[in-house]
Amino acid sequence: DKGRALKWLCGTALIDGNLDEVVVAGDSGNDRSMFELKGVRGIIVGNADVDLRKFLGQGEGRYYGASGVGAYGVIEGLSSFGVQVSNTISTVVPVPSTPATFEWKNIQSS
C-alpha cells in the first residue's frame, strides 16, 4: 500500500524517517494509508471522496482541504503549507539541497 511504501522511502537516507517533513496529497481511499502515518501533513483535493474528507478537522491543522481539484488542489495545498508557488500554472518539484532537507523550486512550463 502507499502508506507502507512512503514509510519505507522516508526510512532511507532521504529524510531519515522524519515524517514531519512529508506532505502527501490524495483524492481517494487508496491514498488513506498515507494520511494515517503519524506526522505527515496532507492535502485533500477538492474532488476527494468521503473516505479522505473525514481527515479534515483532525490532526490539529495537519490536513488541508483544497477547493481546487487534481493538481490545482495540490498546488493550493502546498501554498497553504508555506511552499511558494507562482500565480501561473507551474510544476513544483523537490530539489534536494542536502541528504536530509529539501527546498521547493518552481519550474515554469514553456
N, C-alpha and C. Protein backbone atom coordinates (compact mmCIF):
# COMPACT_ATOMS: atom_id res chain seq x y z
N ASP A 1 0.83 -1.19 0.00
CA ASP A 1 0.00 0.00 0.00
C ASP A 1 0.87 1.25 0.00
N LYS A 2 0.27 2.38 -0.31
CA LYS A 2 1.03 3.63 -0.44
C LYS A 2 1.65 4.08 0.87
N GLY A 3 0.97 3.86 1.97
CA GLY A 3 1.50 4.24 3.27
C GLY A 3 2.77 3.49 3.62
N ARG A 4 2.76 2.19 3.40
CA ARG A 4 3.96 1.38 3.67
C ARG A 4 5.10 1.79 2.76
N ALA A 5 4.79 2.03 1.49
CA ALA A 5 5.82 2.45 0.54
C ALA A 5 6.42 3.80 0.95
N LEU A 6 5.58 4.72 1.37
CA LEU A 6 6.06 6.03 1.79
C LEU A 6 6.91 5.92 3.05
N LYS A 7 6.47 5.11 4.00
CA LYS A 7 7.24 4.92 5.23
C LYS A 7 8.61 4.31 4.92
N TRP A 8 8.65 3.35 4.00
CA TRP A 8 9.92 2.75 3.60
C TRP A 8 10.81 3.81 2.97
N LEU A 9 10.26 4.59 2.04
CA LEU A 9 11.03 5.63 1.36
C LEU A 9 11.59 6.64 2.35
N CYS A 10 10.76 7.04 3.30
CA CYS A 10 11.20 8.01 4.30
C CYS A 10 12.23 7.43 5.25
N GLY A 11 12.28 6.14 5.37
CA GLY A 11 13.28 5.49 6.21
C GLY A 11 14.66 5.44 5.57
N THR A 12 14.73 5.76 4.30
CA THR A 12 16.03 5.80 3.62
C THR A 12 16.74 7.08 4.01
N ALA A 13 17.88 7.31 3.45
CA ALA A 13 18.69 8.49 3.78
C ALA A 13 18.04 9.80 3.36
N LEU A 14 16.95 9.74 2.62
CA LEU A 14 16.34 11.00 2.14
C LEU A 14 15.97 11.93 3.28
N ILE A 15 15.22 11.46 4.26
CA ILE A 15 14.84 12.31 5.38
C ILE A 15 14.92 11.59 6.71
N ASP A 16 15.62 10.48 6.74
CA ASP A 16 15.85 9.74 7.98
C ASP A 16 14.58 9.39 8.74
N GLY A 17 13.50 9.11 8.04
CA GLY A 17 12.27 8.67 8.68
C GLY A 17 11.46 9.74 9.36
N ASN A 18 11.84 11.01 9.24
CA ASN A 18 11.10 12.10 9.87
C ASN A 18 9.89 12.47 9.02
N LEU A 19 8.74 11.95 9.38
CA LEU A 19 7.53 12.18 8.59
C LEU A 19 6.97 13.58 8.77
N ASP A 20 7.50 14.37 9.71
CA ASP A 20 7.09 15.76 9.85
C ASP A 20 7.51 16.59 8.65
N GLU A 21 8.43 16.08 7.85
CA GLU A 21 8.90 16.77 6.66
C GLU A 21 8.14 16.36 5.41
N VAL A 22 7.08 15.56 5.56
CA VAL A 22 6.38 14.98 4.41
C VAL A 22 5.00 15.59 4.24
N VAL A 23 4.67 15.93 2.99
CA VAL A 23 3.32 16.35 2.64
C VAL A 23 2.81 15.36 1.59
N VAL A 24 1.65 14.77 1.87
CA VAL A 24 1.03 13.85 0.91
C VAL A 24 -0.22 14.51 0.34
N ALA A 25 -0.66 14.02 -0.79
CA ALA A 25 -1.89 14.53 -1.39
C ALA A 25 -2.68 13.35 -1.93
N GLY A 26 -3.99 13.48 -1.89
CA GLY A 26 -4.80 12.37 -2.38
C GLY A 26 -6.22 12.77 -2.67
N ASP A 27 -6.92 11.82 -3.32
CA ASP A 27 -8.33 12.07 -3.68
C ASP A 27 -9.23 10.86 -3.46
N SER A 28 -8.64 9.72 -3.08
CA SER A 28 -9.49 8.53 -2.94
C SER A 28 -8.99 7.62 -1.81
N GLY A 29 -9.78 6.60 -1.53
CA GLY A 29 -9.49 5.69 -0.44
C GLY A 29 -8.16 4.99 -0.52
N ASN A 30 -7.63 4.80 -1.73
CA ASN A 30 -6.34 4.12 -1.82
C ASN A 30 -5.19 5.02 -1.37
N ASP A 31 -5.47 6.29 -1.07
CA ASP A 31 -4.47 7.20 -0.52
C ASP A 31 -4.53 7.27 1.00
N ARG A 32 -5.53 6.67 1.57
CA ARG A 32 -5.80 6.76 3.01
C ARG A 32 -4.61 6.36 3.87
N SER A 33 -3.92 5.30 3.52
CA SER A 33 -2.83 4.82 4.37
C SER A 33 -1.70 5.84 4.50
N MET A 34 -1.53 6.72 3.52
CA MET A 34 -0.51 7.77 3.64
C MET A 34 -0.94 8.80 4.69
N PHE A 35 -2.24 9.14 4.70
CA PHE A 35 -2.76 10.12 5.63
C PHE A 35 -2.75 9.59 7.07
N GLU A 36 -2.76 8.29 7.24
CA GLU A 36 -2.78 7.68 8.57
C GLU A 36 -1.40 7.63 9.21
N LEU A 37 -0.35 7.90 8.46
CA LEU A 37 1.00 7.87 9.03
C LEU A 37 1.19 9.03 10.00
N LYS A 38 1.70 8.73 11.16
CA LYS A 38 1.89 9.75 12.19
C LYS A 38 2.91 10.79 11.73
N GLY A 39 2.50 12.04 11.79
CA GLY A 39 3.41 13.14 11.48
C GLY A 39 3.25 13.76 10.11
N VAL A 40 2.70 13.04 9.14
CA VAL A 40 2.60 13.61 7.80
C VAL A 40 1.55 14.73 7.77
N ARG A 41 1.75 15.65 6.85
CA ARG A 41 0.72 16.65 6.55
C ARG A 41 0.07 16.21 5.24
N GLY A 42 -1.20 16.49 5.10
CA GLY A 42 -1.92 16.00 3.92
C GLY A 42 -2.76 17.06 3.24
N ILE A 43 -2.81 16.94 1.93
CA ILE A 43 -3.66 17.79 1.10
C ILE A 43 -4.77 16.92 0.55
N ILE A 44 -5.99 17.29 0.85
CA ILE A 44 -7.16 16.57 0.34
C ILE A 44 -7.76 17.45 -0.74
N VAL A 45 -7.63 17.02 -1.99
CA VAL A 45 -8.05 17.85 -3.12
C VAL A 45 -9.58 17.94 -3.20
N GLY A 46 -10.04 18.94 -3.93
CA GLY A 46 -11.46 19.26 -3.98
C GLY A 46 -12.37 18.15 -4.46
N ASN A 47 -11.87 17.26 -5.28
CA ASN A 47 -12.68 16.16 -5.80
C ASN A 47 -12.49 14.86 -5.02
N ALA A 48 -11.98 14.97 -3.79
CA ALA A 48 -11.72 13.78 -2.98
C ALA A 48 -13.02 13.12 -2.51
N ASP A 49 -12.94 11.81 -2.33
CA ASP A 49 -14.12 11.09 -1.85
C ASP A 49 -14.25 11.20 -0.33
N VAL A 50 -15.37 10.73 0.17
CA VAL A 50 -15.71 10.85 1.59
C VAL A 50 -14.66 10.18 2.47
N ASP A 51 -14.06 9.10 2.01
CA ASP A 51 -13.08 8.35 2.80
C ASP A 51 -11.92 9.24 3.24
N LEU A 52 -11.50 10.17 2.37
CA LEU A 52 -10.42 11.06 2.75
C LEU A 52 -10.92 12.31 3.45
N ARG A 53 -12.07 12.80 3.08
CA ARG A 53 -12.59 14.04 3.67
C ARG A 53 -12.76 13.94 5.18
N LYS A 54 -12.89 12.73 5.70
CA LYS A 54 -13.06 12.59 7.15
C LYS A 54 -11.80 12.98 7.92
N PHE A 55 -10.67 13.08 7.25
CA PHE A 55 -9.44 13.53 7.92
C PHE A 55 -9.48 15.03 8.21
N LEU A 56 -10.30 15.78 7.48
CA LEU A 56 -10.40 17.22 7.72
C LEU A 56 -10.92 17.46 9.13
N GLY A 57 -10.35 18.41 9.82
CA GLY A 57 -10.75 18.68 11.20
C GLY A 57 -9.99 17.84 12.21
N GLN A 58 -9.19 16.89 11.75
CA GLN A 58 -8.36 16.08 12.64
C GLN A 58 -6.91 16.54 12.50
N GLY A 59 -6.08 16.13 13.40
CA GLY A 59 -4.65 16.35 13.26
C GLY A 59 -4.16 17.75 13.50
N GLU A 60 -4.95 18.59 14.15
CA GLU A 60 -4.52 19.93 14.53
C GLU A 60 -3.90 20.70 13.37
N GLY A 61 -4.61 20.82 12.29
CA GLY A 61 -4.15 21.60 11.14
C GLY A 61 -3.17 20.89 10.23
N ARG A 62 -3.00 19.61 10.43
CA ARG A 62 -2.06 18.86 9.58
C ARG A 62 -2.66 18.49 8.23
N TYR A 63 -3.98 18.65 8.10
CA TYR A 63 -4.64 18.31 6.84
C TYR A 63 -5.31 19.55 6.26
N TYR A 64 -5.14 19.73 4.96
CA TYR A 64 -5.72 20.89 4.28
C TYR A 64 -6.73 20.40 3.26
N GLY A 65 -7.93 20.95 3.31
CA GLY A 65 -8.97 20.63 2.33
C GLY A 65 -8.97 21.67 1.23
N ALA A 66 -8.47 21.31 0.07
CA ALA A 66 -8.37 22.24 -1.06
C ALA A 66 -9.71 22.36 -1.77
N SER A 67 -9.97 23.51 -2.35
CA SER A 67 -11.16 23.66 -3.19
C SER A 67 -10.84 23.26 -4.62
N GLY A 68 -9.58 23.41 -5.03
CA GLY A 68 -9.16 23.01 -6.37
C GLY A 68 -9.13 21.50 -6.52
N VAL A 69 -9.37 21.03 -7.72
CA VAL A 69 -9.34 19.59 -7.97
C VAL A 69 -8.02 19.19 -8.62
N GLY A 70 -7.63 17.95 -8.41
CA GLY A 70 -6.42 17.42 -9.02
C GLY A 70 -5.19 18.25 -8.67
N ALA A 71 -4.37 18.50 -9.69
CA ALA A 71 -3.11 19.23 -9.50
C ALA A 71 -3.35 20.64 -8.96
N TYR A 72 -4.46 21.27 -9.34
CA TYR A 72 -4.76 22.60 -8.83
C TYR A 72 -4.93 22.56 -7.31
N GLY A 73 -5.57 21.53 -6.81
CA GLY A 73 -5.74 21.38 -5.36
C GLY A 73 -4.42 21.11 -4.66
N VAL A 74 -3.54 20.36 -5.31
CA VAL A 74 -2.23 20.08 -4.72
C VAL A 74 -1.44 21.38 -4.61
N ILE A 75 -1.43 22.19 -5.66
CA ILE A 75 -0.71 23.47 -5.63
C ILE A 75 -1.31 24.38 -4.56
N GLU A 76 -2.63 24.42 -4.48
CA GLU A 76 -3.30 25.22 -3.44
C GLU A 76 -2.87 24.75 -2.05
N GLY A 77 -2.83 23.45 -1.84
CA GLY A 77 -2.44 22.89 -0.55
C GLY A 77 -0.99 23.16 -0.22
N LEU A 78 -0.11 23.02 -1.20
CA LEU A 78 1.31 23.32 -0.95
C LEU A 78 1.47 24.77 -0.52
N SER A 79 0.75 25.66 -1.17
CA SER A 79 0.79 27.07 -0.81
C SER A 79 0.33 27.27 0.63
N SER A 80 -0.70 26.54 1.04
CA SER A 80 -1.21 26.68 2.41
C SER A 80 -0.19 26.21 3.44
N PHE A 81 0.70 25.29 3.04
CA PHE A 81 1.74 24.81 3.94
C PHE A 81 3.02 25.62 3.84
N GLY A 82 2.96 26.76 3.13
CA GLY A 82 4.10 27.67 3.09
C GLY A 82 5.04 27.48 1.93
N VAL A 83 4.71 26.61 0.99
CA VAL A 83 5.54 26.44 -0.20
C VAL A 83 5.20 27.56 -1.16
N GLN A 84 6.19 28.32 -1.61
CA GLN A 84 5.93 29.41 -2.53
C GLN A 84 5.67 28.86 -3.92
N VAL A 85 4.51 29.21 -4.46
CA VAL A 85 4.17 28.83 -5.83
C VAL A 85 3.81 30.10 -6.58
N SER A 86 4.07 30.10 -7.87
CA SER A 86 3.78 31.29 -8.66
C SER A 86 2.29 31.37 -8.97
N ASN A 87 1.85 32.50 -9.47
CA ASN A 87 0.44 32.67 -9.84
C ASN A 87 0.10 31.99 -11.16
N THR A 88 1.11 31.57 -11.90
CA THR A 88 0.87 30.86 -13.14
C THR A 88 0.95 29.37 -12.88
N ILE A 89 0.41 28.59 -13.79
CA ILE A 89 0.49 27.14 -13.65
C ILE A 89 1.94 26.73 -13.85
N SER A 90 2.47 26.04 -12.89
CA SER A 90 3.85 25.57 -12.97
C SER A 90 3.94 24.22 -12.27
N THR A 91 5.05 23.58 -12.44
CA THR A 91 5.30 22.31 -11.77
C THR A 91 6.19 22.59 -10.58
N VAL A 92 5.80 22.13 -9.42
CA VAL A 92 6.59 22.30 -8.21
C VAL A 92 7.27 20.97 -7.94
N VAL A 93 8.59 21.00 -7.89
CA VAL A 93 9.34 19.76 -7.68
C VAL A 93 10.30 19.92 -6.52
N PRO A 94 10.51 18.86 -5.74
CA PRO A 94 11.50 18.94 -4.67
C PRO A 94 12.90 18.87 -5.24
N VAL A 95 13.78 19.71 -4.73
CA VAL A 95 15.17 19.71 -5.16
C VAL A 95 16.02 19.46 -3.92
N PRO A 96 16.71 18.32 -3.86
CA PRO A 96 17.49 18.04 -2.66
C PRO A 96 18.63 19.05 -2.49
N SER A 97 18.71 19.69 -1.34
CA SER A 97 19.81 20.61 -1.06
C SER A 97 20.86 19.92 -0.20
N THR A 98 20.44 19.02 0.66
CA THR A 98 21.33 18.16 1.43
C THR A 98 20.61 16.81 1.53
N PRO A 99 21.25 15.78 1.99
CA PRO A 99 20.55 14.50 2.10
C PRO A 99 19.32 14.54 3.00
N ALA A 100 19.24 15.51 3.94
CA ALA A 100 18.14 15.50 4.89
C ALA A 100 17.13 16.63 4.70
N THR A 101 17.37 17.55 3.79
CA THR A 101 16.44 18.67 3.62
C THR A 101 16.10 18.88 2.16
N PHE A 102 14.96 19.50 1.96
CA PHE A 102 14.52 19.80 0.60
C PHE A 102 14.12 21.26 0.53
N GLU A 103 14.32 21.88 -0.60
CA GLU A 103 13.76 23.20 -0.88
C GLU A 103 12.82 23.00 -2.06
N TRP A 104 11.91 23.89 -2.24
CA TRP A 104 10.96 23.78 -3.34
C TRP A 104 11.30 24.81 -4.39
N LYS A 105 11.27 24.43 -5.64
CA LYS A 105 11.62 25.31 -6.73
C LYS A 105 10.51 25.26 -7.77
N ASN A 106 10.13 26.41 -8.28
CA ASN A 106 9.12 26.47 -9.35
C ASN A 106 9.78 26.30 -10.69
N ILE A 107 9.25 25.44 -11.51
CA ILE A 107 9.73 25.23 -12.86
C ILE A 107 8.62 25.73 -13.79
N GLN A 108 8.87 26.79 -14.50
CA GLN A 108 7.87 27.35 -15.42
C GLN A 108 7.77 26.46 -16.65
N SER A 109 6.54 26.20 -17.07
CA SER A 109 6.35 25.43 -18.30
C SER A 109 6.43 26.39 -19.46
N SER A 110 6.90 25.89 -20.59
CA SER A 110 7.05 26.77 -21.76
C SER A 110 5.90 26.64 -22.71
